[in-house]
Each structure stands twice: as structure tokens, then as C-alpha cells.
PDBML (XML) file of the C-alpha atoms, coordinates in Angstrom:
<?xml version="1.0" encoding="UTF-8" ?>
<PDBx:datablock datablockName="MODEL"
   xmlns:PDBx="http://pdbml.pdb.org/schema/pdbx-v50.xsd"
   xmlns:xsi="http://www.w3.org/2001/XMLSchema-instance"
   xsi:schemaLocation="http://pdbml.pdb.org/schema/pdbx-v50.xsd pdbx-v50.xsd">
   <PDBx:atom_siteCategory>
      <PDBx:atom_site id="1">
         <PDBx:B_iso_or_equiv>0.00</PDBx:B_iso_or_equiv>
         <PDBx:Cartn_x>107.661</PDBx:Cartn_x>
         <PDBx:Cartn_y>66.701</PDBx:Cartn_y>
         <PDBx:Cartn_z>-0.579</PDBx:Cartn_z>
         <PDBx:auth_asym_id>A</PDBx:auth_asym_id>
         <PDBx:auth_atom_id>CA</PDBx:auth_atom_id>
         <PDBx:auth_comp_id>ARG</PDBx:auth_comp_id>
         <PDBx:auth_seq_id>1</PDBx:auth_seq_id>
         <PDBx:group_PDB>ATOM</PDBx:group_PDB>
         <PDBx:label_alt_id xsi:nil="true" />
         <PDBx:label_asym_id>A</PDBx:label_asym_id>
         <PDBx:label_atom_id>CA</PDBx:label_atom_id>
         <PDBx:label_comp_id>ARG</PDBx:label_comp_id>
         <PDBx:label_entity_id>1</PDBx:label_entity_id>
         <PDBx:label_seq_id>1</PDBx:label_seq_id>
         <PDBx:occupancy>1.00</PDBx:occupancy>
         <PDBx:pdbx_PDB_model_num>1</PDBx:pdbx_PDB_model_num>
         <PDBx:type_symbol>C</PDBx:type_symbol>
      </PDBx:atom_site>
      <PDBx:atom_site id="2">
         <PDBx:B_iso_or_equiv>0.00</PDBx:B_iso_or_equiv>
         <PDBx:Cartn_x>110.550</PDBx:Cartn_x>
         <PDBx:Cartn_y>66.649</PDBx:Cartn_y>
         <PDBx:Cartn_z>1.899</PDBx:Cartn_z>
         <PDBx:auth_asym_id>A</PDBx:auth_asym_id>
         <PDBx:auth_atom_id>CA</PDBx:auth_atom_id>
         <PDBx:auth_comp_id>ILE</PDBx:auth_comp_id>
         <PDBx:auth_seq_id>2</PDBx:auth_seq_id>
         <PDBx:group_PDB>ATOM</PDBx:group_PDB>
         <PDBx:label_alt_id xsi:nil="true" />
         <PDBx:label_asym_id>A</PDBx:label_asym_id>
         <PDBx:label_atom_id>CA</PDBx:label_atom_id>
         <PDBx:label_comp_id>ILE</PDBx:label_comp_id>
         <PDBx:label_entity_id>1</PDBx:label_entity_id>
         <PDBx:label_seq_id>2</PDBx:label_seq_id>
         <PDBx:occupancy>1.00</PDBx:occupancy>
         <PDBx:pdbx_PDB_model_num>1</PDBx:pdbx_PDB_model_num>
         <PDBx:type_symbol>C</PDBx:type_symbol>
      </PDBx:atom_site>
      <PDBx:atom_site id="3">
         <PDBx:B_iso_or_equiv>0.00</PDBx:B_iso_or_equiv>
         <PDBx:Cartn_x>108.202</PDBx:Cartn_x>
         <PDBx:Cartn_y>65.841</PDBx:Cartn_y>
         <PDBx:Cartn_z>4.779</PDBx:Cartn_z>
         <PDBx:auth_asym_id>A</PDBx:auth_asym_id>
         <PDBx:auth_atom_id>CA</PDBx:auth_atom_id>
         <PDBx:auth_comp_id>PHE</PDBx:auth_comp_id>
         <PDBx:auth_seq_id>3</PDBx:auth_seq_id>
         <PDBx:group_PDB>ATOM</PDBx:group_PDB>
         <PDBx:label_alt_id xsi:nil="true" />
         <PDBx:label_asym_id>A</PDBx:label_asym_id>
         <PDBx:label_atom_id>CA</PDBx:label_atom_id>
         <PDBx:label_comp_id>PHE</PDBx:label_comp_id>
         <PDBx:label_entity_id>1</PDBx:label_entity_id>
         <PDBx:label_seq_id>3</PDBx:label_seq_id>
         <PDBx:occupancy>1.00</PDBx:occupancy>
         <PDBx:pdbx_PDB_model_num>1</PDBx:pdbx_PDB_model_num>
         <PDBx:type_symbol>C</PDBx:type_symbol>
      </PDBx:atom_site>
      <PDBx:atom_site id="4">
         <PDBx:B_iso_or_equiv>0.00</PDBx:B_iso_or_equiv>
         <PDBx:Cartn_x>106.565</PDBx:Cartn_x>
         <PDBx:Cartn_y>62.993</PDBx:Cartn_y>
         <PDBx:Cartn_z>2.826</PDBx:Cartn_z>
         <PDBx:auth_asym_id>A</PDBx:auth_asym_id>
         <PDBx:auth_atom_id>CA</PDBx:auth_atom_id>
         <PDBx:auth_comp_id>LEU</PDBx:auth_comp_id>
         <PDBx:auth_seq_id>4</PDBx:auth_seq_id>
         <PDBx:group_PDB>ATOM</PDBx:group_PDB>
         <PDBx:label_alt_id xsi:nil="true" />
         <PDBx:label_asym_id>A</PDBx:label_asym_id>
         <PDBx:label_atom_id>CA</PDBx:label_atom_id>
         <PDBx:label_comp_id>LEU</PDBx:label_comp_id>
         <PDBx:label_entity_id>1</PDBx:label_entity_id>
         <PDBx:label_seq_id>4</PDBx:label_seq_id>
         <PDBx:occupancy>1.00</PDBx:occupancy>
         <PDBx:pdbx_PDB_model_num>1</PDBx:pdbx_PDB_model_num>
         <PDBx:type_symbol>C</PDBx:type_symbol>
      </PDBx:atom_site>
      <PDBx:atom_site id="5">
         <PDBx:B_iso_or_equiv>0.00</PDBx:B_iso_or_equiv>
         <PDBx:Cartn_x>109.974</PDBx:Cartn_x>
         <PDBx:Cartn_y>61.654</PDBx:Cartn_y>
         <PDBx:Cartn_z>1.779</PDBx:Cartn_z>
         <PDBx:auth_asym_id>A</PDBx:auth_asym_id>
         <PDBx:auth_atom_id>CA</PDBx:auth_atom_id>
         <PDBx:auth_comp_id>SER</PDBx:auth_comp_id>
         <PDBx:auth_seq_id>5</PDBx:auth_seq_id>
         <PDBx:group_PDB>ATOM</PDBx:group_PDB>
         <PDBx:label_alt_id xsi:nil="true" />
         <PDBx:label_asym_id>A</PDBx:label_asym_id>
         <PDBx:label_atom_id>CA</PDBx:label_atom_id>
         <PDBx:label_comp_id>SER</PDBx:label_comp_id>
         <PDBx:label_entity_id>1</PDBx:label_entity_id>
         <PDBx:label_seq_id>5</PDBx:label_seq_id>
         <PDBx:occupancy>1.00</PDBx:occupancy>
         <PDBx:pdbx_PDB_model_num>1</PDBx:pdbx_PDB_model_num>
         <PDBx:type_symbol>C</PDBx:type_symbol>
      </PDBx:atom_site>
      <PDBx:atom_site id="6">
         <PDBx:B_iso_or_equiv>0.00</PDBx:B_iso_or_equiv>
         <PDBx:Cartn_x>111.097</PDBx:Cartn_x>
         <PDBx:Cartn_y>61.627</PDBx:Cartn_y>
         <PDBx:Cartn_z>5.410</PDBx:Cartn_z>
         <PDBx:auth_asym_id>A</PDBx:auth_asym_id>
         <PDBx:auth_atom_id>CA</PDBx:auth_atom_id>
         <PDBx:auth_comp_id>LEU</PDBx:auth_comp_id>
         <PDBx:auth_seq_id>6</PDBx:auth_seq_id>
         <PDBx:group_PDB>ATOM</PDBx:group_PDB>
         <PDBx:label_alt_id xsi:nil="true" />
         <PDBx:label_asym_id>A</PDBx:label_asym_id>
         <PDBx:label_atom_id>CA</PDBx:label_atom_id>
         <PDBx:label_comp_id>LEU</PDBx:label_comp_id>
         <PDBx:label_entity_id>1</PDBx:label_entity_id>
         <PDBx:label_seq_id>6</PDBx:label_seq_id>
         <PDBx:occupancy>1.00</PDBx:occupancy>
         <PDBx:pdbx_PDB_model_num>1</PDBx:pdbx_PDB_model_num>
         <PDBx:type_symbol>C</PDBx:type_symbol>
      </PDBx:atom_site>
      <PDBx:atom_site id="7">
         <PDBx:B_iso_or_equiv>0.00</PDBx:B_iso_or_equiv>
         <PDBx:Cartn_x>107.868</PDBx:Cartn_x>
         <PDBx:Cartn_y>59.871</PDBx:Cartn_y>
         <PDBx:Cartn_z>6.357</PDBx:Cartn_z>
         <PDBx:auth_asym_id>A</PDBx:auth_asym_id>
         <PDBx:auth_atom_id>CA</PDBx:auth_atom_id>
         <PDBx:auth_comp_id>LEU</PDBx:auth_comp_id>
         <PDBx:auth_seq_id>7</PDBx:auth_seq_id>
         <PDBx:group_PDB>ATOM</PDBx:group_PDB>
         <PDBx:label_alt_id xsi:nil="true" />
         <PDBx:label_asym_id>A</PDBx:label_asym_id>
         <PDBx:label_atom_id>CA</PDBx:label_atom_id>
         <PDBx:label_comp_id>LEU</PDBx:label_comp_id>
         <PDBx:label_entity_id>1</PDBx:label_entity_id>
         <PDBx:label_seq_id>7</PDBx:label_seq_id>
         <PDBx:occupancy>1.00</PDBx:occupancy>
         <PDBx:pdbx_PDB_model_num>1</PDBx:pdbx_PDB_model_num>
         <PDBx:type_symbol>C</PDBx:type_symbol>
      </PDBx:atom_site>
      <PDBx:atom_site id="8">
         <PDBx:B_iso_or_equiv>0.00</PDBx:B_iso_or_equiv>
         <PDBx:Cartn_x>108.538</PDBx:Cartn_x>
         <PDBx:Cartn_y>57.217</PDBx:Cartn_y>
         <PDBx:Cartn_z>3.689</PDBx:Cartn_z>
         <PDBx:auth_asym_id>A</PDBx:auth_asym_id>
         <PDBx:auth_atom_id>CA</PDBx:auth_atom_id>
         <PDBx:auth_comp_id>TYR</PDBx:auth_comp_id>
         <PDBx:auth_seq_id>8</PDBx:auth_seq_id>
         <PDBx:group_PDB>ATOM</PDBx:group_PDB>
         <PDBx:label_alt_id xsi:nil="true" />
         <PDBx:label_asym_id>A</PDBx:label_asym_id>
         <PDBx:label_atom_id>CA</PDBx:label_atom_id>
         <PDBx:label_comp_id>TYR</PDBx:label_comp_id>
         <PDBx:label_entity_id>1</PDBx:label_entity_id>
         <PDBx:label_seq_id>8</PDBx:label_seq_id>
         <PDBx:occupancy>1.00</PDBx:occupancy>
         <PDBx:pdbx_PDB_model_num>1</PDBx:pdbx_PDB_model_num>
         <PDBx:type_symbol>C</PDBx:type_symbol>
      </PDBx:atom_site>
      <PDBx:atom_site id="9">
         <PDBx:B_iso_or_equiv>0.00</PDBx:B_iso_or_equiv>
         <PDBx:Cartn_x>112.070</PDBx:Cartn_x>
         <PDBx:Cartn_y>56.794</PDBx:Cartn_y>
         <PDBx:Cartn_z>5.021</PDBx:Cartn_z>
         <PDBx:auth_asym_id>A</PDBx:auth_asym_id>
         <PDBx:auth_atom_id>CA</PDBx:auth_atom_id>
         <PDBx:auth_comp_id>ALA</PDBx:auth_comp_id>
         <PDBx:auth_seq_id>9</PDBx:auth_seq_id>
         <PDBx:group_PDB>ATOM</PDBx:group_PDB>
         <PDBx:label_alt_id xsi:nil="true" />
         <PDBx:label_asym_id>A</PDBx:label_asym_id>
         <PDBx:label_atom_id>CA</PDBx:label_atom_id>
         <PDBx:label_comp_id>ALA</PDBx:label_comp_id>
         <PDBx:label_entity_id>1</PDBx:label_entity_id>
         <PDBx:label_seq_id>9</PDBx:label_seq_id>
         <PDBx:occupancy>1.00</PDBx:occupancy>
         <PDBx:pdbx_PDB_model_num>1</PDBx:pdbx_PDB_model_num>
         <PDBx:type_symbol>C</PDBx:type_symbol>
      </PDBx:atom_site>
      <PDBx:atom_site id="10">
         <PDBx:B_iso_or_equiv>0.00</PDBx:B_iso_or_equiv>
         <PDBx:Cartn_x>110.930</PDBx:Cartn_x>
         <PDBx:Cartn_y>56.386</PDBx:Cartn_y>
         <PDBx:Cartn_z>8.639</PDBx:Cartn_z>
         <PDBx:auth_asym_id>A</PDBx:auth_asym_id>
         <PDBx:auth_atom_id>CA</PDBx:auth_atom_id>
         <PDBx:auth_comp_id>VAL</PDBx:auth_comp_id>
         <PDBx:auth_seq_id>10</PDBx:auth_seq_id>
         <PDBx:group_PDB>ATOM</PDBx:group_PDB>
         <PDBx:label_alt_id xsi:nil="true" />
         <PDBx:label_asym_id>A</PDBx:label_asym_id>
         <PDBx:label_atom_id>CA</PDBx:label_atom_id>
         <PDBx:label_comp_id>VAL</PDBx:label_comp_id>
         <PDBx:label_entity_id>1</PDBx:label_entity_id>
         <PDBx:label_seq_id>10</PDBx:label_seq_id>
         <PDBx:occupancy>1.00</PDBx:occupancy>
         <PDBx:pdbx_PDB_model_num>1</PDBx:pdbx_PDB_model_num>
         <PDBx:type_symbol>C</PDBx:type_symbol>
      </PDBx:atom_site>
      <PDBx:atom_site id="11">
         <PDBx:B_iso_or_equiv>0.00</PDBx:B_iso_or_equiv>
         <PDBx:Cartn_x>108.232</PDBx:Cartn_x>
         <PDBx:Cartn_y>53.903</PDBx:Cartn_y>
         <PDBx:Cartn_z>7.620</PDBx:Cartn_z>
         <PDBx:auth_asym_id>A</PDBx:auth_asym_id>
         <PDBx:auth_atom_id>CA</PDBx:auth_atom_id>
         <PDBx:auth_comp_id>LEU</PDBx:auth_comp_id>
         <PDBx:auth_seq_id>11</PDBx:auth_seq_id>
         <PDBx:group_PDB>ATOM</PDBx:group_PDB>
         <PDBx:label_alt_id xsi:nil="true" />
         <PDBx:label_asym_id>A</PDBx:label_asym_id>
         <PDBx:label_atom_id>CA</PDBx:label_atom_id>
         <PDBx:label_comp_id>LEU</PDBx:label_comp_id>
         <PDBx:label_entity_id>1</PDBx:label_entity_id>
         <PDBx:label_seq_id>11</PDBx:label_seq_id>
         <PDBx:occupancy>1.00</PDBx:occupancy>
         <PDBx:pdbx_PDB_model_num>1</PDBx:pdbx_PDB_model_num>
         <PDBx:type_symbol>C</PDBx:type_symbol>
      </PDBx:atom_site>
      <PDBx:atom_site id="12">
         <PDBx:B_iso_or_equiv>0.00</PDBx:B_iso_or_equiv>
         <PDBx:Cartn_x>110.719</PDBx:Cartn_x>
         <PDBx:Cartn_y>51.979</PDBx:Cartn_y>
         <PDBx:Cartn_z>5.471</PDBx:Cartn_z>
         <PDBx:auth_asym_id>A</PDBx:auth_asym_id>
         <PDBx:auth_atom_id>CA</PDBx:auth_atom_id>
         <PDBx:auth_comp_id>ALA</PDBx:auth_comp_id>
         <PDBx:auth_seq_id>12</PDBx:auth_seq_id>
         <PDBx:group_PDB>ATOM</PDBx:group_PDB>
         <PDBx:label_alt_id xsi:nil="true" />
         <PDBx:label_asym_id>A</PDBx:label_asym_id>
         <PDBx:label_atom_id>CA</PDBx:label_atom_id>
         <PDBx:label_comp_id>ALA</PDBx:label_comp_id>
         <PDBx:label_entity_id>1</PDBx:label_entity_id>
         <PDBx:label_seq_id>12</PDBx:label_seq_id>
         <PDBx:occupancy>1.00</PDBx:occupancy>
         <PDBx:pdbx_PDB_model_num>1</PDBx:pdbx_PDB_model_num>
         <PDBx:type_symbol>C</PDBx:type_symbol>
      </PDBx:atom_site>
      <PDBx:atom_site id="13">
         <PDBx:B_iso_or_equiv>0.00</PDBx:B_iso_or_equiv>
         <PDBx:Cartn_x>113.239</PDBx:Cartn_x>
         <PDBx:Cartn_y>51.667</PDBx:Cartn_y>
         <PDBx:Cartn_z>8.298</PDBx:Cartn_z>
         <PDBx:auth_asym_id>A</PDBx:auth_asym_id>
         <PDBx:auth_atom_id>CA</PDBx:auth_atom_id>
         <PDBx:auth_comp_id>ILE</PDBx:auth_comp_id>
         <PDBx:auth_seq_id>13</PDBx:auth_seq_id>
         <PDBx:group_PDB>ATOM</PDBx:group_PDB>
         <PDBx:label_alt_id xsi:nil="true" />
         <PDBx:label_asym_id>A</PDBx:label_asym_id>
         <PDBx:label_atom_id>CA</PDBx:label_atom_id>
         <PDBx:label_comp_id>ILE</PDBx:label_comp_id>
         <PDBx:label_entity_id>1</PDBx:label_entity_id>
         <PDBx:label_seq_id>13</PDBx:label_seq_id>
         <PDBx:occupancy>1.00</PDBx:occupancy>
         <PDBx:pdbx_PDB_model_num>1</PDBx:pdbx_PDB_model_num>
         <PDBx:type_symbol>C</PDBx:type_symbol>
      </PDBx:atom_site>
      <PDBx:atom_site id="14">
         <PDBx:B_iso_or_equiv>0.00</PDBx:B_iso_or_equiv>
         <PDBx:Cartn_x>110.724</PDBx:Cartn_x>
         <PDBx:Cartn_y>50.814</PDBx:Cartn_y>
         <PDBx:Cartn_z>11.027</PDBx:Cartn_z>
         <PDBx:auth_asym_id>A</PDBx:auth_asym_id>
         <PDBx:auth_atom_id>CA</PDBx:auth_atom_id>
         <PDBx:auth_comp_id>SER</PDBx:auth_comp_id>
         <PDBx:auth_seq_id>14</PDBx:auth_seq_id>
         <PDBx:group_PDB>ATOM</PDBx:group_PDB>
         <PDBx:label_alt_id xsi:nil="true" />
         <PDBx:label_asym_id>A</PDBx:label_asym_id>
         <PDBx:label_atom_id>CA</PDBx:label_atom_id>
         <PDBx:label_comp_id>SER</PDBx:label_comp_id>
         <PDBx:label_entity_id>1</PDBx:label_entity_id>
         <PDBx:label_seq_id>14</PDBx:label_seq_id>
         <PDBx:occupancy>1.00</PDBx:occupancy>
         <PDBx:pdbx_PDB_model_num>1</PDBx:pdbx_PDB_model_num>
         <PDBx:type_symbol>C</PDBx:type_symbol>
      </PDBx:atom_site>
      <PDBx:atom_site id="15">
         <PDBx:B_iso_or_equiv>0.00</PDBx:B_iso_or_equiv>
         <PDBx:Cartn_x>108.789</PDBx:Cartn_x>
         <PDBx:Cartn_y>48.414</PDBx:Cartn_y>
         <PDBx:Cartn_z>8.780</PDBx:Cartn_z>
         <PDBx:auth_asym_id>A</PDBx:auth_asym_id>
         <PDBx:auth_atom_id>CA</PDBx:auth_atom_id>
         <PDBx:auth_comp_id>GLY</PDBx:auth_comp_id>
         <PDBx:auth_seq_id>15</PDBx:auth_seq_id>
         <PDBx:group_PDB>ATOM</PDBx:group_PDB>
         <PDBx:label_alt_id xsi:nil="true" />
         <PDBx:label_asym_id>A</PDBx:label_asym_id>
         <PDBx:label_atom_id>CA</PDBx:label_atom_id>
         <PDBx:label_comp_id>GLY</PDBx:label_comp_id>
         <PDBx:label_entity_id>1</PDBx:label_entity_id>
         <PDBx:label_seq_id>15</PDBx:label_seq_id>
         <PDBx:occupancy>1.00</PDBx:occupancy>
         <PDBx:pdbx_PDB_model_num>1</PDBx:pdbx_PDB_model_num>
         <PDBx:type_symbol>C</PDBx:type_symbol>
      </PDBx:atom_site>
      <PDBx:atom_site id="16">
         <PDBx:B_iso_or_equiv>0.00</PDBx:B_iso_or_equiv>
         <PDBx:Cartn_x>111.929</PDBx:Cartn_x>
         <PDBx:Cartn_y>46.628</PDBx:Cartn_y>
         <PDBx:Cartn_z>7.650</PDBx:Cartn_z>
         <PDBx:auth_asym_id>A</PDBx:auth_asym_id>
         <PDBx:auth_atom_id>CA</PDBx:auth_atom_id>
         <PDBx:auth_comp_id>THR</PDBx:auth_comp_id>
         <PDBx:auth_seq_id>16</PDBx:auth_seq_id>
         <PDBx:group_PDB>ATOM</PDBx:group_PDB>
         <PDBx:label_alt_id xsi:nil="true" />
         <PDBx:label_asym_id>A</PDBx:label_asym_id>
         <PDBx:label_atom_id>CA</PDBx:label_atom_id>
         <PDBx:label_comp_id>THR</PDBx:label_comp_id>
         <PDBx:label_entity_id>1</PDBx:label_entity_id>
         <PDBx:label_seq_id>16</PDBx:label_seq_id>
         <PDBx:occupancy>1.00</PDBx:occupancy>
         <PDBx:pdbx_PDB_model_num>1</PDBx:pdbx_PDB_model_num>
         <PDBx:type_symbol>C</PDBx:type_symbol>
      </PDBx:atom_site>
      <PDBx:atom_site id="17">
         <PDBx:B_iso_or_equiv>0.00</PDBx:B_iso_or_equiv>
         <PDBx:Cartn_x>113.280</PDBx:Cartn_x>
         <PDBx:Cartn_y>46.253</PDBx:Cartn_y>
         <PDBx:Cartn_z>11.186</PDBx:Cartn_z>
         <PDBx:auth_asym_id>A</PDBx:auth_asym_id>
         <PDBx:auth_atom_id>CA</PDBx:auth_atom_id>
         <PDBx:auth_comp_id>LEU</PDBx:auth_comp_id>
         <PDBx:auth_seq_id>17</PDBx:auth_seq_id>
         <PDBx:group_PDB>ATOM</PDBx:group_PDB>
         <PDBx:label_alt_id xsi:nil="true" />
         <PDBx:label_asym_id>A</PDBx:label_asym_id>
         <PDBx:label_atom_id>CA</PDBx:label_atom_id>
         <PDBx:label_comp_id>LEU</PDBx:label_comp_id>
         <PDBx:label_entity_id>1</PDBx:label_entity_id>
         <PDBx:label_seq_id>17</PDBx:label_seq_id>
         <PDBx:occupancy>1.00</PDBx:occupancy>
         <PDBx:pdbx_PDB_model_num>1</PDBx:pdbx_PDB_model_num>
         <PDBx:type_symbol>C</PDBx:type_symbol>
      </PDBx:atom_site>
      <PDBx:atom_site id="18">
         <PDBx:B_iso_or_equiv>0.00</PDBx:B_iso_or_equiv>
         <PDBx:Cartn_x>110.000</PDBx:Cartn_x>
         <PDBx:Cartn_y>45.034</PDBx:Cartn_y>
         <PDBx:Cartn_z>12.672</PDBx:Cartn_z>
         <PDBx:auth_asym_id>A</PDBx:auth_asym_id>
         <PDBx:auth_atom_id>CA</PDBx:auth_atom_id>
         <PDBx:auth_comp_id>SER</PDBx:auth_comp_id>
         <PDBx:auth_seq_id>18</PDBx:auth_seq_id>
         <PDBx:group_PDB>ATOM</PDBx:group_PDB>
         <PDBx:label_alt_id xsi:nil="true" />
         <PDBx:label_asym_id>A</PDBx:label_asym_id>
         <PDBx:label_atom_id>CA</PDBx:label_atom_id>
         <PDBx:label_comp_id>SER</PDBx:label_comp_id>
         <PDBx:label_entity_id>1</PDBx:label_entity_id>
         <PDBx:label_seq_id>18</PDBx:label_seq_id>
         <PDBx:occupancy>1.00</PDBx:occupancy>
         <PDBx:pdbx_PDB_model_num>1</PDBx:pdbx_PDB_model_num>
         <PDBx:type_symbol>C</PDBx:type_symbol>
      </PDBx:atom_site>
      <PDBx:atom_site id="19">
         <PDBx:B_iso_or_equiv>0.00</PDBx:B_iso_or_equiv>
         <PDBx:Cartn_x>109.353</PDBx:Cartn_x>
         <PDBx:Cartn_y>42.515</PDBx:Cartn_y>
         <PDBx:Cartn_z>9.881</PDBx:Cartn_z>
         <PDBx:auth_asym_id>A</PDBx:auth_asym_id>
         <PDBx:auth_atom_id>CA</PDBx:auth_atom_id>
         <PDBx:auth_comp_id>ASN</PDBx:auth_comp_id>
         <PDBx:auth_seq_id>19</PDBx:auth_seq_id>
         <PDBx:group_PDB>ATOM</PDBx:group_PDB>
         <PDBx:label_alt_id xsi:nil="true" />
         <PDBx:label_asym_id>A</PDBx:label_asym_id>
         <PDBx:label_atom_id>CA</PDBx:label_atom_id>
         <PDBx:label_comp_id>ASN</PDBx:label_comp_id>
         <PDBx:label_entity_id>1</PDBx:label_entity_id>
         <PDBx:label_seq_id>19</PDBx:label_seq_id>
         <PDBx:occupancy>1.00</PDBx:occupancy>
         <PDBx:pdbx_PDB_model_num>1</PDBx:pdbx_PDB_model_num>
         <PDBx:type_symbol>C</PDBx:type_symbol>
      </PDBx:atom_site>
      <PDBx:atom_site id="20">
         <PDBx:B_iso_or_equiv>0.00</PDBx:B_iso_or_equiv>
         <PDBx:Cartn_x>112.910</PDBx:Cartn_x>
         <PDBx:Cartn_y>41.184</PDBx:Cartn_y>
         <PDBx:Cartn_z>10.099</PDBx:Cartn_z>
         <PDBx:auth_asym_id>A</PDBx:auth_asym_id>
         <PDBx:auth_atom_id>CA</PDBx:auth_atom_id>
         <PDBx:auth_comp_id>VAL</PDBx:auth_comp_id>
         <PDBx:auth_seq_id>20</PDBx:auth_seq_id>
         <PDBx:group_PDB>ATOM</PDBx:group_PDB>
         <PDBx:label_alt_id xsi:nil="true" />
         <PDBx:label_asym_id>A</PDBx:label_asym_id>
         <PDBx:label_atom_id>CA</PDBx:label_atom_id>
         <PDBx:label_comp_id>VAL</PDBx:label_comp_id>
         <PDBx:label_entity_id>1</PDBx:label_entity_id>
         <PDBx:label_seq_id>20</PDBx:label_seq_id>
         <PDBx:occupancy>1.00</PDBx:occupancy>
         <PDBx:pdbx_PDB_model_num>1</PDBx:pdbx_PDB_model_num>
         <PDBx:type_symbol>C</PDBx:type_symbol>
      </PDBx:atom_site>
      <PDBx:atom_site id="21">
         <PDBx:B_iso_or_equiv>0.00</PDBx:B_iso_or_equiv>
         <PDBx:Cartn_x>112.493</PDBx:Cartn_x>
         <PDBx:Cartn_y>40.875</PDBx:Cartn_y>
         <PDBx:Cartn_z>13.882</PDBx:Cartn_z>
         <PDBx:auth_asym_id>A</PDBx:auth_asym_id>
         <PDBx:auth_atom_id>CA</PDBx:auth_atom_id>
         <PDBx:auth_comp_id>MET</PDBx:auth_comp_id>
         <PDBx:auth_seq_id>21</PDBx:auth_seq_id>
         <PDBx:group_PDB>ATOM</PDBx:group_PDB>
         <PDBx:label_alt_id xsi:nil="true" />
         <PDBx:label_asym_id>A</PDBx:label_asym_id>
         <PDBx:label_atom_id>CA</PDBx:label_atom_id>
         <PDBx:label_comp_id>MET</PDBx:label_comp_id>
         <PDBx:label_entity_id>1</PDBx:label_entity_id>
         <PDBx:label_seq_id>21</PDBx:label_seq_id>
         <PDBx:occupancy>1.00</PDBx:occupancy>
         <PDBx:pdbx_PDB_model_num>1</PDBx:pdbx_PDB_model_num>
         <PDBx:type_symbol>C</PDBx:type_symbol>
      </PDBx:atom_site>
      <PDBx:atom_site id="22">
         <PDBx:B_iso_or_equiv>0.00</PDBx:B_iso_or_equiv>
         <PDBx:Cartn_x>109.275</PDBx:Cartn_x>
         <PDBx:Cartn_y>38.860</PDBx:Cartn_y>
         <PDBx:Cartn_z>13.535</PDBx:Cartn_z>
         <PDBx:auth_asym_id>A</PDBx:auth_asym_id>
         <PDBx:auth_atom_id>CA</PDBx:auth_atom_id>
         <PDBx:auth_comp_id>VAL</PDBx:auth_comp_id>
         <PDBx:auth_seq_id>22</PDBx:auth_seq_id>
         <PDBx:group_PDB>ATOM</PDBx:group_PDB>
         <PDBx:label_alt_id xsi:nil="true" />
         <PDBx:label_asym_id>A</PDBx:label_asym_id>
         <PDBx:label_atom_id>CA</PDBx:label_atom_id>
         <PDBx:label_comp_id>VAL</PDBx:label_comp_id>
         <PDBx:label_entity_id>1</PDBx:label_entity_id>
         <PDBx:label_seq_id>22</PDBx:label_seq_id>
         <PDBx:occupancy>1.00</PDBx:occupancy>
         <PDBx:pdbx_PDB_model_num>1</PDBx:pdbx_PDB_model_num>
         <PDBx:type_symbol>C</PDBx:type_symbol>
      </PDBx:atom_site>
      <PDBx:atom_site id="23">
         <PDBx:B_iso_or_equiv>0.00</PDBx:B_iso_or_equiv>
         <PDBx:Cartn_x>110.891</PDBx:Cartn_x>
         <PDBx:Cartn_y>36.522</PDBx:Cartn_y>
         <PDBx:Cartn_z>10.991</PDBx:Cartn_z>
         <PDBx:auth_asym_id>A</PDBx:auth_asym_id>
         <PDBx:auth_atom_id>CA</PDBx:auth_atom_id>
         <PDBx:auth_comp_id>ILE</PDBx:auth_comp_id>
         <PDBx:auth_seq_id>23</PDBx:auth_seq_id>
         <PDBx:group_PDB>ATOM</PDBx:group_PDB>
         <PDBx:label_alt_id xsi:nil="true" />
         <PDBx:label_asym_id>A</PDBx:label_asym_id>
         <PDBx:label_atom_id>CA</PDBx:label_atom_id>
         <PDBx:label_comp_id>ILE</PDBx:label_comp_id>
         <PDBx:label_entity_id>1</PDBx:label_entity_id>
         <PDBx:label_seq_id>23</PDBx:label_seq_id>
         <PDBx:occupancy>1.00</PDBx:occupancy>
         <PDBx:pdbx_PDB_model_num>1</PDBx:pdbx_PDB_model_num>
         <PDBx:type_symbol>C</PDBx:type_symbol>
      </PDBx:atom_site>
      <PDBx:atom_site id="24">
         <PDBx:B_iso_or_equiv>0.00</PDBx:B_iso_or_equiv>
         <PDBx:Cartn_x>113.969</PDBx:Cartn_x>
         <PDBx:Cartn_y>36.115</PDBx:Cartn_y>
         <PDBx:Cartn_z>13.198</PDBx:Cartn_z>
         <PDBx:auth_asym_id>A</PDBx:auth_asym_id>
         <PDBx:auth_atom_id>CA</PDBx:auth_atom_id>
         <PDBx:auth_comp_id>TYR</PDBx:auth_comp_id>
         <PDBx:auth_seq_id>24</PDBx:auth_seq_id>
         <PDBx:group_PDB>ATOM</PDBx:group_PDB>
         <PDBx:label_alt_id xsi:nil="true" />
         <PDBx:label_asym_id>A</PDBx:label_asym_id>
         <PDBx:label_atom_id>CA</PDBx:label_atom_id>
         <PDBx:label_comp_id>TYR</PDBx:label_comp_id>
         <PDBx:label_entity_id>1</PDBx:label_entity_id>
         <PDBx:label_seq_id>24</PDBx:label_seq_id>
         <PDBx:occupancy>1.00</PDBx:occupancy>
         <PDBx:pdbx_PDB_model_num>1</PDBx:pdbx_PDB_model_num>
         <PDBx:type_symbol>C</PDBx:type_symbol>
      </PDBx:atom_site>
      <PDBx:atom_site id="25">
         <PDBx:B_iso_or_equiv>0.00</PDBx:B_iso_or_equiv>
         <PDBx:Cartn_x>111.897</PDBx:Cartn_x>
         <PDBx:Cartn_y>35.323</PDBx:Cartn_y>
         <PDBx:Cartn_z>16.296</PDBx:Cartn_z>
         <PDBx:auth_asym_id>A</PDBx:auth_asym_id>
         <PDBx:auth_atom_id>CA</PDBx:auth_atom_id>
         <PDBx:auth_comp_id>LEU</PDBx:auth_comp_id>
         <PDBx:auth_seq_id>25</PDBx:auth_seq_id>
         <PDBx:group_PDB>ATOM</PDBx:group_PDB>
         <PDBx:label_alt_id xsi:nil="true" />
         <PDBx:label_asym_id>A</PDBx:label_asym_id>
         <PDBx:label_atom_id>CA</PDBx:label_atom_id>
         <PDBx:label_comp_id>LEU</PDBx:label_comp_id>
         <PDBx:label_entity_id>1</PDBx:label_entity_id>
         <PDBx:label_seq_id>25</PDBx:label_seq_id>
         <PDBx:occupancy>1.00</PDBx:occupancy>
         <PDBx:pdbx_PDB_model_num>1</PDBx:pdbx_PDB_model_num>
         <PDBx:type_symbol>C</PDBx:type_symbol>
      </PDBx:atom_site>
   </PDBx:atom_siteCategory>
</PDBx:datablock>
């Protein structure tokens, strides 16, 4: 459960940053 929660957190951060970057560009 901890591993999957960390995976969700990493995907949330990387997905948010990359989508915001595409919109900004």
C-alpha cells in the first residue's frame, strides 16, 4: 500500500507538471 501510494504521488506530480508545461508552451 505504501509503495502504491508513493507511485500515485510520483505520477500525480509528474503528470501535473508535464500537463501544465504543455499548456504553458
